[in-house]
Amino acid sequence: MVDNNSSMWLIFTRMSAVPGRKSIEVPKLWDKYYKMYKENTIKAVDVMKILELKKTTFYKLINQYEESN
């Protein structure tokens, strides 16, 4: 017998849509404030307030940005 979770996964897989959270969108002014943050002209807390990011999201974006560059 197939349970509901298995059948839902099969449906999502066939539709090529994986269930879960959407990926993080990079804010429009990210480059500007990232550069200021790295130059120590602005604190991380201030960047989070300005860009309306939570702490976890902010540091995830930093990791993604540094890995891609």
PDB file of N, CA and C in Angstrom:
ATOM      1  N   MET A   1       0.829  -1.181   0.000  1.00  0.00           N
ATOM      2  CA  MET A   1       0.000   0.000   0.000  1.00  0.00           C
ATOM      3  C   MET A   1       0.879   1.252   0.000  1.00  0.00           C
ATOM      4  N   VAL A   2       0.508   2.254  -0.753  1.00  0.00           N
ATOM      5  CA  VAL A   2       1.260   3.495  -0.853  1.00  0.00           C
ATOM      6  C   VAL A   2       0.626   4.537   0.057  1.00  0.00           C
ATOM      7  N   ASP A   3       1.453   5.141   0.909  1.00  0.00           N
ATOM      8  CA  ASP A   3       0.896   6.175   1.782  1.00  0.00           C
ATOM      9  C   ASP A   3       0.815   7.510   1.043  1.00  0.00           C
ATOM     10  N   ASN A   4       0.140   8.453   1.652  1.00  0.00           N
ATOM     11  CA  ASN A   4      -0.084   9.757   1.015  1.00  0.00           C
ATOM     12  C   ASN A   4       1.207  10.503   0.718  1.00  0.00           C
ATOM     13  N   ASN A   5       2.186  10.432   1.621  1.00  0.00           N
ATOM     14  CA  ASN A   5       3.443  11.142   1.406  1.00  0.00           C
ATOM     15  C   ASN A   5       4.180  10.614   0.188  1.00  0.00           C
ATOM     16  N   SER A   6       4.211   9.314   0.006  1.00  0.00           N
ATOM     17  CA  SER A   6       4.891   8.719  -1.145  1.00  0.00           C
ATOM     18  C   SER A   6       4.205   9.104  -2.442  1.00  0.00           C
ATOM     19  N   SER A   7       2.890   9.058  -2.448  1.00  0.00           N
ATOM     20  CA  SER A   7       2.164   9.400  -3.668  1.00  0.00           C
ATOM     21  C   SER A   7       2.309  10.884  -3.990  1.00  0.00           C
ATOM     22  N   MET A   8       2.321  11.748  -2.979  1.00  0.00           N
ATOM     23  CA  MET A   8       2.513  13.181  -3.211  1.00  0.00           C
ATOM     24  C   MET A   8       3.902  13.445  -3.767  1.00  0.00           C
ATOM     25  N   TRP A   9       4.915  12.755  -3.231  1.00  0.00           N
ATOM     26  CA  TRP A   9       6.276  12.931  -3.730  1.00  0.00           C
ATOM     27  C   TRP A   9       6.362  12.515  -5.189  1.00  0.00           C
ATOM     28  N   LEU A  10       5.711  11.440  -5.533  1.00  0.00           N
ATOM     29  CA  LEU A  10       5.708  10.967  -6.913  1.00  0.00           C
ATOM     30  C   LEU A  10       5.060  11.994  -7.832  1.00  0.00           C
ATOM     31  N   ILE A  11       3.970  12.583  -7.390  1.00  0.00           N
ATOM     32  CA  ILE A  11       3.287  13.612  -8.189  1.00  0.00           C
ATOM     33  C   ILE A  11       4.191  14.824  -8.371  1.00  0.00           C
ATOM     34  N   PHE A  12       4.811  15.290  -7.294  1.00  0.00           N
ATOM     35  CA  PHE A  12       5.708  16.444  -7.385  1.00  0.00           C
ATOM     36  C   PHE A  12       6.901  16.148  -8.286  1.00  0.00           C
ATOM     37  N   THR A  13       7.445  14.962  -8.183  1.00  0.00           N
ATOM     38  CA  THR A  13       8.600  14.595  -8.987  1.00  0.00           C
ATOM     39  C   THR A  13       8.236  14.566 -10.466  1.00  0.00           C
ATOM     40  N   ARG A  14       7.115  14.031 -10.785  1.00  0.00           N
ATOM     41  CA  ARG A  14       6.688  13.985 -12.186  1.00  0.00           C
ATOM     42  C   ARG A  14       6.383  15.365 -12.734  1.00  0.00           C
ATOM     43  N   MET A  15       5.939  16.262 -11.881  1.00  0.00           N
ATOM     44  CA  MET A  15       5.656  17.631 -12.310  1.00  0.00           C
ATOM     45  C   MET A  15       6.939  18.467 -12.313  1.00  0.00           C
ATOM     46  N   SER A  16       8.033  17.872 -11.933  1.00  0.00           N
ATOM     47  CA  SER A  16       9.359  18.496 -11.801  1.00  0.00           C
ATOM     48  C   SER A  16       9.336  19.710 -10.883  1.00  0.00           C
ATOM     49  N   ALA A  17       8.511  19.662  -9.884  1.00  0.00           N
ATOM     50  CA  ALA A  17       8.485  20.690  -8.851  1.00  0.00           C
ATOM     51  C   ALA A  17       8.764  20.014  -7.525  1.00  0.00           C
ATOM     52  N   VAL A  18       9.830  20.406  -6.893  1.00  0.00           N
ATOM     53  CA  VAL A  18      10.199  19.811  -5.618  1.00  0.00           C
ATOM     54  C   VAL A  18       9.554  20.628  -4.508  1.00  0.00           C
ATOM     55  N   PRO A  19       8.855  19.970  -3.591  1.00  0.00           N
ATOM     56  CA  PRO A  19       8.220  20.708  -2.505  1.00  0.00           C
ATOM     57  C   PRO A  19       9.263  21.298  -1.558  1.00  0.00           C
ATOM     58  N   GLY A  20       8.937  22.406  -0.983  1.00  0.00           N
ATOM     59  CA  GLY A  20       9.851  23.026  -0.030  1.00  0.00           C
ATOM     60  C   GLY A  20       9.786  24.531  -0.127  1.00  0.00           C
ATOM     61  N   ARG A  21      10.687  25.147   0.570  1.00  0.00           N
ATOM     62  CA  ARG A  21      10.710  26.608   0.587  1.00  0.00           C
ATOM     63  C   ARG A  21      11.304  27.157  -0.703  1.00  0.00           C
ATOM     64  N   LYS A  22      10.896  28.368  -1.033  1.00  0.00           N
ATOM     65  CA  LYS A  22      11.469  29.044  -2.189  1.00  0.00           C
ATOM     66  C   LYS A  22      12.885  29.475  -1.849  1.00  0.00           C
ATOM     67  N   SER A  23      13.720  29.600  -2.871  1.00  0.00           N
ATOM     68  CA  SER A  23      15.088  30.027  -2.625  1.00  0.00           C
ATOM     69  C   SER A  23      15.101  31.505  -2.236  1.00  0.00           C
ATOM     70  N   ILE A  24      16.170  31.900  -1.596  1.00  0.00           N
ATOM     71  CA  ILE A  24      16.305  33.265  -1.106  1.00  0.00           C
ATOM     72  C   ILE A  24      16.557  34.196  -2.287  1.00  0.00           C
ATOM     73  N   GLU A  25      15.800  35.278  -2.341  1.00  0.00           N
ATOM     74  CA  GLU A  25      16.032  36.283  -3.363  1.00  0.00           C
ATOM     75  C   GLU A  25      17.021  37.315  -2.818  1.00  0.00           C
ATOM     76  N   VAL A  26      18.005  37.656  -3.637  1.00  0.00           N
ATOM     77  CA  VAL A  26      19.003  38.635  -3.227  1.00  0.00           C
ATOM     78  C   VAL A  26      18.388  40.033  -3.346  1.00  0.00           C
ATOM     79  N   PRO A  27      18.453  40.826  -2.269  1.00  0.00           N
ATOM     80  CA  PRO A  27      17.901  42.186  -2.320  1.00  0.00           C
ATOM     81  C   PRO A  27      18.587  43.030  -3.398  1.00  0.00           C
ATOM     82  N   LYS A  28      17.878  44.011  -3.920  1.00  0.00           N
ATOM     83  CA  LYS A  28      18.397  44.852  -5.006  1.00  0.00           C
ATOM     84  C   LYS A  28      19.676  45.588  -4.615  1.00  0.00           C
ATOM     85  N   LEU A  29      19.760  46.055  -3.402  1.00  0.00           N
ATOM     86  CA  LEU A  29      20.923  46.830  -2.961  1.00  0.00           C
ATOM     87  C   LEU A  29      21.975  45.980  -2.254  1.00  0.00           C
ATOM     88  N   TRP A  30      21.952  44.679  -2.456  1.00  0.00           N
ATOM     89  CA  TRP A  30      22.841  43.758  -1.755  1.00  0.00           C
ATOM     90  C   TRP A  30      24.313  44.094  -1.987  1.00  0.00           C
ATOM     91  N   ASP A  31      24.717  44.314  -3.235  1.00  0.00           N
ATOM     92  CA  ASP A  31      26.126  44.565  -3.545  1.00  0.00           C
ATOM     93  C   ASP A  31      26.663  45.775  -2.786  1.00  0.00           C
ATOM     94  N   LYS A  32      25.877  46.832  -2.768  1.00  0.00           N
ATOM     95  CA  LYS A  32      26.279  48.065  -2.088  1.00  0.00           C
ATOM     96  C   LYS A  32      26.508  47.826  -0.598  1.00  0.00           C
ATOM     97  N   TYR A  33      25.533  47.203   0.063  1.00  0.00           N
ATOM     98  CA  TYR A  33      25.631  47.018   1.505  1.00  0.00           C
ATOM     99  C   TYR A  33      26.591  45.895   1.887  1.00  0.00           C
ATOM    100  N   TYR A  34      26.738  44.903   1.040  1.00  0.00           N
ATOM    101  CA  TYR A  34      27.727  43.844   1.297  1.00  0.00           C
ATOM    102  C   TYR A  34      29.124  44.449   1.312  1.00  0.00           C
ATOM    103  N   LYS A  35      29.406  45.279   0.327  1.00  0.00           N
ATOM    104  CA  LYS A  35      30.718  45.932   0.242  1.00  0.00           C
ATOM    105  C   LYS A  35      30.970  46.798   1.478  1.00  0.00           C
ATOM    106  N   MET A  36      29.979  47.575   1.880  1.00  0.00           N
ATOM    107  CA  MET A  36      30.106  48.413   3.073  1.00  0.00           C
ATOM    108  C   MET A  36      30.317  47.567   4.320  1.00  0.00           C
ATOM    109  N   TYR A  37      29.615  46.432   4.403  1.00  0.00           N
ATOM    110  CA  TYR A  37      29.753  45.525   5.543  1.00  0.00           C
ATOM    111  C   TYR A  37      31.166  44.945   5.602  1.00  0.00           C
ATOM    112  N   LYS A  38      31.695  44.543   4.461  1.00  0.00           N
ATOM    113  CA  LYS A  38      33.032  43.951   4.423  1.00  0.00           C
ATOM    114  C   LYS A  38      34.121  44.978   4.707  1.00  0.00           C
ATOM    115  N   GLU A  39      33.858  46.231   4.388  1.00  0.00           N
ATOM    116  CA  GLU A  39      34.819  47.305   4.665  1.00  0.00           C
ATOM    117  C   GLU A  39      34.680  47.837   6.088  1.00  0.00           C
ATOM    118  N   ASN A  40      33.780  47.257   6.865  1.00  0.00           N
ATOM    119  CA  ASN A  40      33.509  47.652   8.254  1.00  0.00           C
ATOM    120  C   ASN A  40      33.030  49.096   8.386  1.00  0.00           C
ATOM    121  N   THR A  41      32.328  49.591   7.380  1.00  0.00           N
ATOM    122  CA  THR A  41      31.746  50.928   7.489  1.00  0.00           C
ATOM    123  C   THR A  41      30.303  50.861   7.981  1.00  0.00           C
ATOM    124  N   ILE A  42      29.750  49.658   8.030  1.00  0.00           N
ATOM    125  CA  ILE A  42      28.394  49.457   8.527  1.00  0.00           C
ATOM    126  C   ILE A  42      28.345  48.097   9.233  1.00  0.00           C
ATOM    127  N   LYS A  43      27.563  48.014  10.281  1.00  0.00           N
ATOM    128  CA  LYS A  43      27.456  46.768  11.045  1.00  0.00           C
ATOM    129  C   LYS A  43      26.453  45.824  10.396  1.00  0.00           C
ATOM    130  N   ALA A  44      26.614  44.535  10.670  1.00  0.00           N
ATOM    131  CA  ALA A  44      25.710  43.517  10.130  1.00  0.00           C
ATOM    132  C   ALA A  44      24.271  43.782  10.550  1.00  0.00           C
ATOM    133  N   VAL A  45      24.087  44.184  11.792  1.00  0.00           N
ATOM    134  CA  VAL A  45      22.742  44.452  12.315  1.00  0.00           C
ATOM    135  C   VAL A  45      22.072  45.570  11.515  1.00  0.00           C
ATOM    136  N   ASP A  46      22.850  46.595  11.166  1.00  0.00           N
ATOM    137  CA  ASP A  46      22.298  47.712  10.404  1.00  0.00           C
ATOM    138  C   ASP A  46      21.907  47.281   8.993  1.00  0.00           C
ATOM    139  N   VAL A  47      22.735  46.445   8.374  1.00  0.00           N
ATOM    140  CA  VAL A  47      22.410  45.933   7.035  1.00  0.00           C
ATOM    141  C   VAL A  47      21.127  45.112   7.089  1.00  0.00           C
ATOM    142  N   MET A  48      21.001  44.282   8.122  1.00  0.00           N
ATOM    143  CA  MET A  48      19.801  43.460   8.282  1.00  0.00           C
ATOM    144  C   MET A  48      18.552  44.334   8.419  1.00  0.00           C
ATOM    145  N   LYS A  49      18.653  45.408   9.167  1.00  0.00           N
ATOM    146  CA  LYS A  49      17.513  46.313   9.342  1.00  0.00           C
ATOM    147  C   LYS A  49      17.160  47.007   8.033  1.00  0.00           C
ATOM    148  N   ILE A  50      18.174  47.525   7.343  1.00  0.00           N
ATOM    149  CA  ILE A  50      17.945  48.265   6.101  1.00  0.00           C
ATOM    150  C   ILE A  50      17.317  47.370   5.035  1.00  0.00           C
ATOM    151  N   LEU A  51      17.874  46.156   4.879  1.00  0.00           N
ATOM    152  CA  LEU A  51      17.402  45.241   3.838  1.00  0.00           C
ATOM    153  C   LEU A  51      16.257  44.356   4.306  1.00  0.00           C
ATOM    154  N   GLU A  52      15.851  44.523   5.565  1.00  0.00           N
ATOM    155  CA  GLU A  52      14.751  43.748   6.164  1.00  0.00           C
ATOM    156  C   GLU A  52      14.998  42.242   6.050  1.00  0.00           C
ATOM    157  N   LEU A  53      16.171  41.834   6.548  1.00  0.00           N
ATOM    158  CA  LEU A  53      16.558  40.419   6.534  1.00  0.00           C
ATOM    159  C   LEU A  53      16.677  39.918   7.960  1.00  0.00           C
ATOM    160  N   LYS A  54      16.369  38.651   8.122  1.00  0.00           N
ATOM    161  CA  LYS A  54      16.610  38.013   9.407  1.00  0.00           C
ATOM    162  C   LYS A  54      18.069  37.577   9.450  1.00  0.00           C
ATOM    163  N   LYS A  55      18.559  37.311  10.652  1.00  0.00           N
ATOM    164  CA  LYS A  55      19.970  36.974  10.855  1.00  0.00           C
ATOM    165  C   LYS A  55      20.399  35.765  10.015  1.00  0.00           C
ATOM    166  N   THR A  56      19.618  34.709  10.060  1.00  0.00           N
ATOM    167  CA  THR A  56      19.954  33.496   9.319  1.00  0.00           C
ATOM    168  C   THR A  56      20.011  33.760   7.823  1.00  0.00           C
ATOM    169  N   THR A  57      19.043  34.483   7.308  1.00  0.00           N
ATOM    170  CA  THR A  57      18.993  34.794   5.881  1.00  0.00           C
ATOM    171  C   THR A  57      20.186  35.651   5.473  1.00  0.00           C
ATOM    172  N   PHE A  58      20.529  36.609   6.290  1.00  0.00           N
ATOM    173  CA  PHE A  58      21.665  37.485   6.011  1.00  0.00           C
ATOM    174  C   PHE A  58      22.947  36.675   5.858  1.00  0.00           C
ATOM    175  N   TYR A  59      23.212  35.788   6.802  1.00  0.00           N
ATOM    176  CA  TYR A  59      24.450  35.017   6.745  1.00  0.00           C
ATOM    177  C   TYR A  59      24.420  33.957   5.643  1.00  0.00           C
ATOM    178  N   LYS A  60      23.251  33.436   5.304  1.00  0.00           N
ATOM    179  CA  LYS A  60      23.140  32.529   4.157  1.00  0.00           C
ATOM    180  C   LYS A  60      23.480  33.261   2.868  1.00  0.00           C
ATOM    181  N   LEU A  61      22.986  34.483   2.734  1.00  0.00           N
ATOM    182  CA  LEU A  61      23.293  35.277   1.548  1.00  0.00           C
ATOM    183  C   LEU A  61      24.787  35.574   1.451  1.00  0.00           C
ATOM    184  N   ILE A  62      25.420  35.864   2.583  1.00  0.00           N
ATOM    185  CA  ILE A  62      26.860  36.113   2.579  1.00  0.00           C
ATOM    186  C   ILE A  62      27.604  34.864   2.096  1.00  0.00           C
ATOM    187  N   ASN A  63      27.234  33.706   2.630  1.00  0.00           N
ATOM    188  CA  ASN A  63      27.889  32.460   2.212  1.00  0.00           C
ATOM    189  C   ASN A  63      27.694  32.187   0.729  1.00  0.00           C
ATOM    190  N   GLN A  64      26.486  32.350   0.238  1.00  0.00           N
ATOM    191  CA  GLN A  64      26.209  32.130  -1.187  1.00  0.00           C
ATOM    192  C   GLN A  64      26.995  33.109  -2.053  1.00  0.00           C
ATOM    193  N   TYR A  65      27.036  34.359  -1.637  1.00  0.00           N
ATOM    194  CA  TYR A  65      27.711  35.404  -2.398  1.00  0.00           C
ATOM    195  C   TYR A  65      29.213  35.138  -2.448  1.00  0.00           C
ATOM    196  N   GLU A  66      29.801  34.753  -1.327  1.00  0.00           N
ATOM    197  CA  GLU A  66      31.236  34.499  -1.285  1.00  0.00           C
ATOM    198  C   GLU A  66      31.628  33.226  -2.026  1.00  0.00           C
ATOM    199  N   GLU A  67      30.759  32.234  -2.030  1.00  0.00           N
ATOM    200  CA  GLU A  67      31.048  31.000  -2.773  1.00  0.00           C
ATOM    201  C   GLU A  67      30.974  31.227  -4.271  1.00  0.00           C
ATOM    202  N   SER A  68      30.105  32.126  -4.705  1.00  0.00           N
ATOM    203  CA  SER A  68      29.947  32.364  -6.139  1.00  0.00           C
ATOM    204  C   SER A  68      31.015  33.309  -6.690  1.00  0.00           C
ATOM    205  N   ASN A  69      31.670  34.056  -5.824  1.00  0.00           N
ATOM    206  CA  ASN A  69      32.716  35.002  -6.275  1.00  0.00           C
ATOM    207  C   ASN A  69      34.095  34.527  -5.991  1.00  0.00           C
TER     208      ASN A  69
END
